[in-house]
N, C-alpha and C. Protein backbone atom coordinates (compact mmCIF):
# COMPACT_ATOMS: atom_id res chain seq x y z
N MET A 1 13.26 1.96 -7.11
CA MET A 1 12.28 1.49 -6.22
C MET A 1 10.60 1.47 -7.24
N PHE A 2 9.65 1.09 -6.61
CA PHE A 2 8.69 1.06 -7.29
C PHE A 2 7.42 0.45 -6.52
N ALA A 3 6.15 1.14 -6.58
CA ALA A 3 5.31 1.09 -5.67
C ALA A 3 3.88 0.91 -6.67
N LYS A 4 2.96 -0.06 -6.01
CA LYS A 4 1.80 -0.27 -6.73
C LYS A 4 0.57 -0.82 -5.80
N GLN A 5 -0.67 -0.63 -6.18
CA GLN A 5 -1.63 -1.53 -5.34
C GLN A 5 -2.73 -1.75 -6.69
N TYR A 6 -3.42 -2.75 -6.35
CA TYR A 6 -4.52 -3.47 -7.01
C TYR A 6 -5.48 -3.76 -6.21
N SER A 7 -6.64 -3.61 -6.70
CA SER A 7 -7.59 -3.98 -5.79
C SER A 7 -8.76 -4.49 -6.61
N HIS A 8 -9.47 -5.26 -5.65
CA HIS A 8 -10.76 -6.55 -6.10
C HIS A 8 -11.97 -5.61 -5.41
N ARG A 9 -13.17 -5.43 -6.25
CA ARG A 9 -14.23 -4.69 -5.49
C ARG A 9 -14.96 -6.01 -5.44
N LEU A 10 -15.54 -6.62 -4.44
CA LEU A 10 -16.46 -7.40 -4.13
C LEU A 10 -17.86 -7.20 -3.88
N PRO A 11 -18.82 -8.49 -3.83
CA PRO A 11 -20.42 -8.14 -4.11
C PRO A 11 -20.29 -7.89 -2.38
N ALA A 12 -21.64 -7.02 -2.01
CA ALA A 12 -22.22 -6.34 -0.98
C ALA A 12 -22.12 -7.34 -0.12
N ASP A 13 -22.48 -8.56 -0.20
CA ASP A 13 -22.89 -9.73 0.46
C ASP A 13 -21.69 -10.94 0.76
N TYR A 14 -20.51 -10.34 0.25
CA TYR A 14 -19.19 -11.25 0.07
C TYR A 14 -18.75 -11.63 1.56
N ASP A 15 -18.49 -12.80 1.61
CA ASP A 15 -18.08 -13.21 3.30
C ASP A 15 -16.63 -12.95 3.37
N MET A 16 -16.44 -11.61 4.08
CA MET A 16 -14.91 -11.12 4.32
C MET A 16 -13.96 -12.22 5.08
N SER A 17 -14.73 -13.15 5.57
CA SER A 17 -13.59 -13.57 6.47
C SER A 17 -12.92 -14.80 5.63
N VAL A 18 -13.68 -15.12 4.18
CA VAL A 18 -12.66 -15.80 3.25
C VAL A 18 -11.47 -14.98 3.10
N ILE A 19 -11.67 -13.69 2.87
CA ILE A 19 -10.61 -12.73 2.63
C ILE A 19 -9.49 -12.79 3.72
N ARG A 20 -10.01 -12.68 4.79
CA ARG A 20 -9.08 -12.29 6.16
C ARG A 20 -8.10 -13.96 6.24
N ARG A 21 -8.95 -15.15 5.81
CA ARG A 21 -8.22 -16.47 5.72
C ARG A 21 -7.04 -16.44 4.78
N ARG A 22 -7.70 -15.88 3.35
CA ARG A 22 -6.55 -15.72 2.44
C ARG A 22 -5.36 -15.11 2.76
N ALA A 23 -5.60 -13.89 3.37
CA ALA A 23 -4.30 -12.90 3.81
C ALA A 23 -3.75 -13.72 4.48
N ALA A 24 -4.13 -14.62 5.66
CA ALA A 24 -3.46 -15.11 6.85
C ALA A 24 -2.44 -16.17 6.13
N GLN A 25 -3.30 -16.79 5.20
CA GLN A 25 -2.31 -18.08 4.53
C GLN A 25 -1.07 -17.46 3.41
N LEU A 26 -1.77 -16.71 2.77
CA LEU A 26 -0.63 -16.32 1.72
C LEU A 26 0.13 -15.20 2.14
N GLY A 27 -0.13 -14.33 3.37
CA GLY A 27 0.75 -13.57 3.80
C GLY A 27 2.18 -13.77 4.09
N PRO A 28 2.24 -15.11 4.90
CA PRO A 28 3.78 -15.46 5.20
C PRO A 28 4.53 -15.86 4.20
N LEU A 29 3.72 -16.22 3.00
CA LEU A 29 4.82 -16.77 1.88
C LEU A 29 5.34 -15.70 1.22
N TRP A 30 4.86 -14.35 1.72
CA TRP A 30 5.56 -13.09 0.91
C TRP A 30 6.84 -12.41 2.07
N ASP A 31 6.69 -12.84 3.27
CA ASP A 31 7.83 -12.64 4.06
C ASP A 31 9.03 -12.89 3.29
N HIS A 32 10.07 -12.11 3.57
CA HIS A 32 11.41 -12.43 2.87
C HIS A 32 11.63 -12.62 1.53
N THR A 33 10.82 -11.90 1.08
CA THR A 33 10.69 -12.01 -0.41
C THR A 33 11.91 -11.02 -1.13
N GLU A 34 12.85 -11.49 -2.05
CA GLU A 34 13.77 -10.85 -2.52
C GLU A 34 13.17 -9.53 -3.20
N GLY A 35 14.01 -8.26 -2.79
CA GLY A 35 13.65 -6.96 -3.50
C GLY A 35 12.53 -6.42 -3.03
N LEU A 36 11.57 -7.12 -2.35
CA LEU A 36 10.50 -6.47 -1.45
C LEU A 36 10.87 -5.87 -0.41
N LEU A 37 10.38 -4.37 -0.11
CA LEU A 37 10.30 -3.60 1.37
C LEU A 37 9.03 -4.22 2.11
N PHE A 38 7.92 -4.20 1.60
CA PHE A 38 6.87 -4.62 2.16
C PHE A 38 5.75 -4.88 1.37
N LYS A 39 4.75 -5.72 1.56
CA LYS A 39 3.33 -6.13 0.92
C LYS A 39 2.52 -6.02 1.97
N ALA A 40 1.47 -5.16 1.93
CA ALA A 40 0.34 -4.72 2.89
C ALA A 40 -0.76 -5.64 2.13
N PHE A 41 -1.43 -6.51 2.65
CA PHE A 41 -2.64 -7.23 2.40
C PHE A 41 -3.84 -6.36 2.95
N ILE A 42 -4.66 -5.57 2.44
CA ILE A 42 -5.68 -4.64 2.69
C ILE A 42 -7.23 -4.94 2.59
N ALA A 43 -7.91 -4.21 3.29
CA ALA A 43 -9.32 -4.51 2.84
C ALA A 43 -10.43 -3.24 3.45
N GLN A 44 -11.32 -3.22 2.82
CA GLN A 44 -12.55 -2.41 3.23
C GLN A 44 -13.62 -3.14 3.40
N GLU A 45 -13.93 -2.90 4.15
CA GLU A 45 -15.63 -3.89 4.60
C GLU A 45 -17.13 -3.15 4.25
N ARG A 46 -17.98 -3.33 3.77
CA ARG A 46 -19.36 -2.84 4.02
C ARG A 46 -19.64 -2.42 5.28
N GLY A 47 -20.03 -1.26 5.18
CA GLY A 47 -20.48 -0.61 6.92
C GLY A 47 -19.20 0.37 7.57
N GLN A 48 -18.42 -0.09 7.10
CA GLN A 48 -17.07 0.95 7.29
C GLN A 48 -16.33 1.70 6.21
N ALA A 49 -17.16 1.22 5.05
CA ALA A 49 -16.65 2.05 3.83
C ALA A 49 -17.73 1.57 2.87
N LEU A 50 -17.52 2.23 1.80
CA LEU A 50 -18.85 1.98 0.53
C LEU A 50 -19.09 0.48 0.23
N GLY A 51 -18.13 -0.16 0.47
CA GLY A 51 -18.31 -1.76 -0.18
C GLY A 51 -17.34 -2.44 0.21
N ASN A 52 -17.56 -3.68 -0.06
CA ASN A 52 -16.31 -4.73 0.34
C ASN A 52 -15.20 -4.47 -0.73
N VAL A 53 -13.78 -4.38 -0.38
CA VAL A 53 -12.71 -4.35 -1.11
C VAL A 53 -11.75 -5.07 -0.59
N TYR A 54 -10.90 -6.08 -1.48
CA TYR A 54 -9.63 -6.80 -1.24
C TYR A 54 -8.55 -6.28 -1.86
N ALA A 55 -7.23 -5.68 -1.49
CA ALA A 55 -6.33 -4.86 -2.12
C ALA A 55 -5.04 -5.53 -1.71
N SER A 56 -3.99 -5.04 -2.44
CA SER A 56 -2.57 -5.40 -2.17
C SER A 56 -1.80 -3.98 -2.45
N VAL A 57 -0.91 -3.68 -1.60
CA VAL A 57 -0.29 -2.36 -1.66
C VAL A 57 1.31 -3.00 -1.74
N TYR A 58 2.23 -2.88 -2.51
CA TYR A 58 3.62 -3.24 -2.54
C TYR A 58 4.52 -2.02 -2.67
N LEU A 59 5.60 -2.10 -2.04
CA LEU A 59 6.75 -1.23 -1.99
C LEU A 59 7.74 -2.15 -2.23
N TRP A 60 8.86 -1.93 -3.57
CA TRP A 60 9.40 -2.72 -4.17
C TRP A 60 10.63 -1.96 -3.97
N ALA A 61 11.77 -2.61 -3.32
CA ALA A 61 13.13 -1.74 -3.45
C ALA A 61 13.78 -2.19 -5.10
N ASP A 62 13.29 -3.19 -5.84
CA ASP A 62 13.94 -3.62 -6.76
C ASP A 62 12.84 -3.91 -7.93
N PRO A 63 12.63 -2.78 -8.69
CA PRO A 63 11.68 -2.81 -9.72
C PRO A 63 11.74 -4.06 -10.59
N LEU A 64 12.77 -4.45 -10.74
CA LEU A 64 12.73 -5.80 -11.79
C LEU A 64 12.13 -6.92 -11.23
N GLN A 65 12.25 -6.91 -9.56
CA GLN A 65 11.72 -8.23 -9.00
C GLN A 65 10.12 -7.92 -9.00
N ALA A 66 10.02 -6.61 -8.98
CA ALA A 66 8.05 -6.31 -9.10
C ALA A 66 7.84 -7.02 -10.64
N ALA A 67 8.57 -6.59 -11.58
CA ALA A 67 8.09 -7.02 -13.05
C ALA A 67 7.98 -8.49 -13.03
N ASP A 68 9.18 -9.26 -12.50
CA ASP A 68 9.20 -10.47 -12.36
C ASP A 68 7.84 -11.36 -11.79
N PHE A 69 7.52 -10.48 -10.56
CA PHE A 69 6.21 -11.03 -9.88
C PHE A 69 4.87 -10.96 -11.00
N LEU A 70 4.84 -9.61 -11.72
CA LEU A 70 3.79 -9.67 -12.26
C LEU A 70 3.85 -10.68 -13.47
N LEU A 71 4.84 -10.77 -13.83
CA LEU A 71 4.81 -11.80 -15.64
C LEU A 71 4.95 -13.40 -14.87
N GLY A 72 5.28 -13.39 -13.47
CA GLY A 72 5.64 -15.07 -13.58
C GLY A 72 4.20 -15.72 -12.66
N GLU A 73 4.81 -16.84 -12.21
CA GLU A 73 3.65 -17.58 -11.57
C GLU A 73 3.13 -17.11 -10.33
N ARG A 74 3.68 -16.44 -9.46
CA ARG A 74 2.74 -15.90 -8.48
C ARG A 74 1.88 -14.90 -8.63
N PHE A 75 1.84 -14.59 -9.55
CA PHE A 75 0.81 -13.39 -9.84
C PHE A 75 -0.41 -14.20 -10.37
N GLN A 76 0.01 -15.48 -10.91
CA GLN A 76 -1.25 -16.40 -11.53
C GLN A 76 -2.26 -16.77 -10.22
N LYS A 77 -1.92 -16.68 -9.34
CA LYS A 77 -2.92 -16.89 -8.37
C LYS A 77 -3.85 -15.66 -7.97
N VAL A 78 -3.34 -14.52 -8.41
CA VAL A 78 -4.46 -13.30 -8.44
C VAL A 78 -5.34 -13.38 -9.75
N LEU A 79 -4.67 -13.96 -10.85
CA LEU A 79 -5.61 -13.72 -11.87
C LEU A 79 -6.50 -14.87 -11.65
N ASP A 80 -6.21 -15.92 -11.23
CA ASP A 80 -7.16 -17.35 -11.31
C ASP A 80 -8.34 -17.02 -10.12
N SER A 81 -7.95 -16.18 -9.25
CA SER A 81 -9.02 -16.00 -8.20
C SER A 81 -9.82 -14.74 -8.47
N PHE A 82 -9.24 -13.79 -9.04
CA PHE A 82 -10.08 -12.41 -9.48
C PHE A 82 -9.88 -11.98 -10.72
N GLY A 83 -9.36 -12.44 -11.45
CA GLY A 83 -9.06 -11.78 -12.83
C GLY A 83 -7.91 -10.88 -12.97
N ARG A 84 -7.74 -10.26 -14.03
CA ARG A 84 -6.63 -9.21 -14.45
C ARG A 84 -7.19 -7.96 -13.65
N PRO A 85 -6.34 -7.65 -12.62
CA PRO A 85 -6.84 -6.18 -11.92
C PRO A 85 -6.24 -4.95 -12.81
N HIS A 86 -6.86 -4.03 -12.66
CA HIS A 86 -6.31 -2.62 -13.01
C HIS A 86 -5.10 -2.33 -11.98
N ILE A 87 -3.97 -2.20 -12.60
CA ILE A 87 -2.80 -1.92 -11.07
C ILE A 87 -2.21 -0.36 -11.62
N GLU A 88 -2.55 0.08 -10.42
CA GLU A 88 -1.99 1.56 -9.81
C GLU A 88 -0.58 1.44 -9.94
N SER A 89 0.25 2.33 -10.43
CA SER A 89 1.67 2.23 -10.30
C SER A 89 2.40 3.70 -10.04
N TRP A 90 3.35 3.60 -9.26
CA TRP A 90 3.82 4.83 -8.89
C TRP A 90 5.54 4.66 -8.66
N LEU A 91 6.23 5.98 -8.93
CA LEU A 91 7.66 6.12 -8.51
C LEU A 91 7.63 6.63 -7.20
N PRO A 92 8.21 5.88 -6.26
CA PRO A 92 8.54 6.54 -4.60
C PRO A 92 9.41 7.60 -4.96
N LEU A 93 9.08 8.57 -4.36
CA LEU A 93 10.30 9.87 -4.03
C LEU A 93 10.73 9.72 -2.67
N ASP A 94 10.03 9.27 -1.59
CA ASP A 94 10.56 9.41 -0.20
C ASP A 94 9.79 8.44 0.40
N VAL A 95 10.73 7.74 1.16
CA VAL A 95 10.41 6.67 1.95
C VAL A 95 10.89 6.64 3.44
N GLN A 96 9.95 6.59 4.31
CA GLN A 96 10.52 6.88 5.48
C GLN A 96 9.95 5.73 6.75
N ARG A 97 10.69 5.03 7.60
CA ARG A 97 10.29 3.89 8.19
C ARG A 97 10.15 4.65 9.66
N GLY A 98 9.01 4.32 10.40
CA GLY A 98 8.72 4.53 11.44
C GLY A 98 8.78 3.59 12.63
N PRO A 99 8.97 3.87 13.88
CA PRO A 99 9.31 3.30 15.04
C PRO A 99 8.27 2.02 15.22
N ALA A 100 7.12 1.82 14.70
CA ALA A 100 6.05 0.65 14.98
C ALA A 100 6.78 -0.43 14.29
N GLN A 101 6.14 -1.50 14.87
CA GLN A 101 6.88 -3.06 14.58
C GLN A 101 5.81 -3.63 13.72
N GLY A 102 4.71 -3.21 13.45
CA GLY A 102 3.52 -3.55 12.57
C GLY A 102 2.47 -2.59 12.15
N ALA A 103 1.45 -2.94 11.60
CA ALA A 103 0.33 -1.97 11.01
C ALA A 103 -0.87 -2.85 10.87
N LEU A 104 -1.92 -1.98 11.52
CA LEU A 104 -3.35 -2.49 11.46
C LEU A 104 -3.92 -1.53 10.45
N SER A 105 -3.57 -0.48 10.26
CA SER A 105 -4.44 0.22 9.04
C SER A 105 -3.55 1.25 8.03
N LEU A 106 -3.78 1.14 7.11
CA LEU A 106 -2.97 1.74 6.00
C LEU A 106 -4.14 2.85 5.41
N TYR A 107 -3.65 3.93 5.41
CA TYR A 107 -4.10 5.04 4.48
C TYR A 107 -3.49 6.01 3.28
N ARG A 108 -4.36 6.02 2.40
CA ARG A 108 -3.84 6.44 1.12
C ARG A 108 -4.46 7.61 0.74
N GLU A 109 -3.62 8.86 0.48
CA GLU A 109 -3.89 10.03 0.00
C GLU A 109 -3.38 10.50 -0.99
N ALA A 110 -4.00 11.29 -1.98
CA ALA A 110 -3.63 11.73 -3.24
C ALA A 110 -3.89 13.45 -3.33
N PHE A 111 -2.80 13.89 -3.76
CA PHE A 111 -2.45 15.37 -4.09
C PHE A 111 -2.34 15.51 -5.55
N ALA A 112 -3.07 16.54 -6.05
CA ALA A 112 -2.89 16.91 -7.40
C ALA A 112 -1.84 17.76 -7.76
N LEU A 113 -0.68 17.59 -8.82
CA LEU A 113 -0.21 18.35 -9.03
C LEU A 113 -0.46 19.66 -9.97
N GLU A 114 -1.00 20.68 -9.75
CA GLU A 114 -1.68 21.51 -10.88
C GLU A 114 -0.49 21.92 -11.68
N PRO A 115 -0.98 22.40 -13.06
CA PRO A 115 -0.20 22.63 -13.83
C PRO A 115 0.54 24.06 -13.31
N GLY A 116 1.80 24.60 -13.55
CA GLY A 116 2.09 25.66 -13.02
C GLY A 116 2.53 25.87 -11.71
N ALA A 117 2.14 24.71 -10.90
CA ALA A 117 2.54 24.77 -9.46
C ALA A 117 4.32 24.37 -9.31
N ASP A 118 4.71 24.67 -8.21
CA ASP A 118 6.16 24.88 -8.07
C ASP A 118 6.76 23.42 -7.37
N ARG A 119 6.72 22.51 -8.42
CA ARG A 119 6.84 20.99 -7.86
C ARG A 119 7.92 20.76 -6.76
N ALA A 120 9.10 21.40 -7.26
CA ALA A 120 10.20 21.40 -6.26
C ALA A 120 9.71 21.81 -4.52
N VAL A 121 9.00 22.99 -4.52
CA VAL A 121 8.57 23.23 -3.11
C VAL A 121 7.35 22.32 -2.48
N ILE A 122 6.56 21.82 -3.62
CA ILE A 122 5.51 20.96 -2.97
C ILE A 122 6.14 19.73 -2.49
N LEU A 123 7.15 19.23 -3.25
CA LEU A 123 7.82 17.91 -2.89
C LEU A 123 8.70 17.91 -1.44
N ALA A 124 9.38 19.32 -1.45
CA ALA A 124 9.87 19.70 -0.14
C ALA A 124 8.92 19.57 1.17
N GLU A 125 7.81 20.33 0.85
CA GLU A 125 6.78 20.15 1.76
C GLU A 125 6.43 18.78 2.48
N GLU A 126 5.90 18.01 1.31
CA GLU A 126 5.69 16.75 1.43
C GLU A 126 6.50 15.42 1.82
N LYS A 127 7.77 15.92 1.59
CA LYS A 127 9.08 15.01 2.37
C LYS A 127 9.04 15.80 3.84
N LEU A 128 9.08 16.65 4.01
CA LEU A 128 8.52 17.01 5.53
C LEU A 128 7.42 16.76 6.46
N ARG A 129 6.46 16.49 5.52
CA ARG A 129 5.33 15.90 6.15
C ARG A 129 5.32 14.26 6.34
N ASN A 130 6.10 14.01 5.56
CA ASN A 130 6.27 12.28 5.65
C ASN A 130 7.37 12.02 6.71
N GLN A 131 8.43 12.92 6.95
CA GLN A 131 9.10 12.85 8.41
C GLN A 131 8.49 13.01 9.44
N GLN A 132 7.43 13.90 9.53
CA GLN A 132 6.43 14.32 10.90
C GLN A 132 5.93 13.14 11.14
N LEU A 133 5.12 12.49 9.96
CA LEU A 133 4.23 11.29 10.40
C LEU A 133 5.39 9.98 10.66
N ALA A 134 6.45 10.09 10.32
CA ALA A 134 7.28 8.81 10.53
C ALA A 134 7.81 9.08 12.00
N ASP A 135 7.82 10.08 12.46
CA ASP A 135 8.56 10.47 13.94
C ASP A 135 7.30 9.78 14.93
N SER A 136 5.76 9.65 14.48
CA SER A 136 4.51 9.02 15.12
C SER A 136 5.19 7.75 15.55
N ARG A 137 5.03 7.40 17.16
CA ARG A 137 5.42 6.11 17.59
C ARG A 137 4.38 5.11 16.75
N ASP A 138 3.33 5.27 16.44
CA ASP A 138 2.52 4.59 15.76
C ASP A 138 2.47 4.56 14.38
N THR A 139 3.36 4.72 13.46
CA THR A 139 3.93 4.84 12.20
C THR A 139 4.54 3.77 12.12
N PHE A 140 4.53 2.88 11.13
CA PHE A 140 5.32 1.70 10.61
C PHE A 140 6.15 2.01 9.51
N ALA A 141 5.47 2.82 8.74
CA ALA A 141 6.29 3.39 7.29
C ALA A 141 5.27 4.39 6.62
N VAL A 142 6.14 5.37 6.03
CA VAL A 142 4.99 6.25 5.14
C VAL A 142 5.91 6.33 3.84
N PHE A 143 5.25 6.26 2.83
CA PHE A 143 6.00 6.58 1.24
C PHE A 143 5.36 7.72 0.67
N LEU A 144 5.85 8.68 -0.20
CA LEU A 144 5.35 9.29 -1.11
C LEU A 144 5.94 9.08 -2.18
N ALA A 145 4.79 9.13 -3.35
CA ALA A 145 5.28 8.44 -4.67
C ALA A 145 4.33 9.37 -5.65
N LEU A 146 4.94 9.54 -7.06
CA LEU A 146 4.56 10.11 -7.93
C LEU A 146 3.65 9.32 -9.10
N ASP A 147 2.45 9.48 -9.03
CA ASP A 147 1.53 9.19 -10.08
C ASP A 147 1.83 9.64 -11.45
N VAL A 148 2.70 9.22 -12.01
CA VAL A 148 3.36 9.82 -13.40
C VAL A 148 1.93 9.91 -14.64
N GLN A 149 0.83 9.11 -14.56
CA GLN A 149 -0.08 9.26 -15.10
C GLN A 149 -1.37 10.11 -14.84
N ALA A 150 -1.47 10.16 -13.56
CA ALA A 150 -2.42 11.14 -13.26
C ALA A 150 -2.04 12.60 -12.52
N TRP A 151 -0.70 12.52 -12.64
CA TRP A 151 -0.20 14.03 -12.33
C TRP A 151 -0.31 14.32 -10.77
N CYS A 152 -0.36 13.38 -10.02
CA CYS A 152 -0.46 13.67 -8.40
C CYS A 152 0.38 13.01 -7.49
N LEU A 153 0.57 13.56 -6.36
CA LEU A 153 1.34 12.61 -5.48
C LEU A 153 0.77 11.89 -4.69
N VAL A 154 0.99 10.67 -4.10
CA VAL A 154 0.20 9.68 -3.50
C VAL A 154 1.16 9.36 -2.28
N ARG A 155 0.56 9.66 -1.04
CA ARG A 155 0.89 9.17 0.42
C ARG A 155 0.32 7.95 0.62
N VAL A 156 1.06 7.19 1.12
CA VAL A 156 0.52 5.85 1.78
C VAL A 156 1.03 5.84 3.26
N THR A 157 0.44 5.65 4.14
CA THR A 157 0.96 5.55 5.78
C THR A 157 0.52 4.24 6.44
N LEU A 158 1.24 3.59 6.90
CA LEU A 158 0.82 2.41 7.88
C LEU A 158 1.04 2.80 8.74
N SER A 159 -0.05 2.57 9.99
CA SER A 159 -0.42 2.78 11.26
C SER A 159 -0.41 1.59 12.00
N ALA A 160 0.10 1.39 13.10
CA ALA A 160 -0.16 0.62 14.45
C ALA A 160 -1.33 0.63 14.99
N LYS A 161 -1.91 1.52 14.72
CA LYS A 161 -3.31 1.99 15.28
C LYS A 161 -4.51 1.30 14.41
N ALA A 162 -5.46 0.94 15.30
CA ALA A 162 -6.88 0.55 14.44
C ALA A 162 -7.34 1.57 13.28
N LEU A 163 -8.01 1.46 12.56
CA LEU A 163 -8.82 1.94 11.13
C LEU A 163 -9.40 2.92 12.04
N GLU A 164 -9.02 4.70 11.70
CA GLU A 164 -9.81 5.61 12.49
C GLU A 164 -10.37 6.36 11.23
N ALA A 165 -11.98 6.42 11.51
CA ALA A 165 -12.57 7.12 10.16
C ALA A 165 -12.35 8.32 9.89
N ASP A 166 -11.62 9.27 10.71
CA ASP A 166 -11.60 10.60 10.54
C ASP A 166 -10.05 11.09 10.29
N HIS A 167 -9.32 9.73 9.81
CA HIS A 167 -8.05 10.00 9.57
C HIS A 167 -7.97 10.44 7.98
N PRO A 168 -7.21 11.34 7.49
CA PRO A 168 -7.14 11.95 5.93
C PRO A 168 -6.75 10.67 5.11
N GLY A 169 -7.39 10.82 4.14
CA GLY A 169 -7.15 9.91 2.98
C GLY A 169 -8.40 8.52 3.07
N THR A 170 -7.96 7.86 2.17
CA THR A 170 -8.83 6.60 2.12
C THR A 170 -8.28 5.51 3.12
N GLY A 171 -8.79 4.99 4.20
CA GLY A 171 -8.20 4.14 5.02
C GLY A 171 -8.79 2.41 4.50
N TYR A 172 -7.83 1.59 5.23
CA TYR A 172 -8.10 0.35 4.69
C TYR A 172 -7.60 -0.63 6.28
N GLN A 173 -8.14 -1.64 6.32
CA GLN A 173 -7.65 -2.64 7.51
C GLN A 173 -6.47 -3.28 6.91
N VAL A 174 -5.56 -3.36 7.67
CA VAL A 174 -4.20 -4.35 7.21
C VAL A 174 -4.47 -5.58 7.82
N LEU A 175 -4.58 -6.54 6.95
CA LEU A 175 -5.01 -7.82 7.09
C LEU A 175 -3.39 -8.75 7.26
N TYR A 176 -2.60 -8.45 6.66
CA TYR A 176 -1.41 -9.05 6.95
C TYR A 176 -0.29 -8.00 6.12
N LEU A 177 0.79 -7.88 7.16
CA LEU A 177 1.93 -7.19 6.59
C LEU A 177 3.13 -7.99 6.17
N ALA A 178 3.57 -8.16 5.23
CA ALA A 178 4.34 -9.27 4.78
C ALA A 178 5.77 -8.19 4.72
N GLN A 179 7.00 -8.61 5.24
CA GLN A 179 8.32 -7.70 5.06
C GLN A 179 9.36 -8.48 4.42
N GLY A 180 9.67 -8.13 3.21
CA GLY A 180 10.43 -8.74 2.35
C GLY A 180 12.09 -8.77 2.86
N VAL A 181 12.87 -9.17 2.19
CA VAL A 181 14.48 -9.28 2.35
C VAL A 181 15.10 -7.87 2.38
N ALA A 182 14.66 -6.81 1.65
CA ALA A 182 15.03 -5.45 1.54
C ALA A 182 14.77 -4.83 2.59
N SER A 183 13.90 -5.35 3.55
CA SER A 183 13.46 -4.39 4.61
C SER A 183 14.14 -4.83 5.95
N GLN A 184 15.04 -6.10 5.47
CA GLN A 184 15.47 -6.73 6.95
C GLN A 184 17.18 -5.66 6.97
N GLY A 185 17.34 -4.94 8.42
CA GLY A 185 18.63 -4.76 7.95
C GLY A 185 18.63 -3.08 7.88
């Protein structure tokens, strides 16, 4: 498995309806993508966040398919529209599917792994927390991943509930949630 996110900061006066239309048009093209569990087209809007951001979060079952995407023609649309983004990449450690059938919000939390910490205990605790989140009727999916460059754990939770300002982590609106072939069945 392989997970990643890239984000595009947009001007404060950017018309975010352009981004919503883009996600609505491109999102369905990602449904049934080979090797993909899901791709979330997400955004933050000025007024609800510090500024306008358009981003994508991917969870791939097959890392080779992720590499093919980044090196292939599909990623060229991103490059042509926004330039070459910094891509955060993570190794998934635990993935749980919840009962919700879709998502309206995505939350990202990060937890530093301090030197000397008992990583096995922390991992066990965070996997338990994932299971608790997955048991919520509003959860579509939750995954825990390791950011090997920053030495931190990253949790991404997709919720069927609208974005909540007091939810832990950084929140995003889900504009479209594409589900790949690997998520069917």
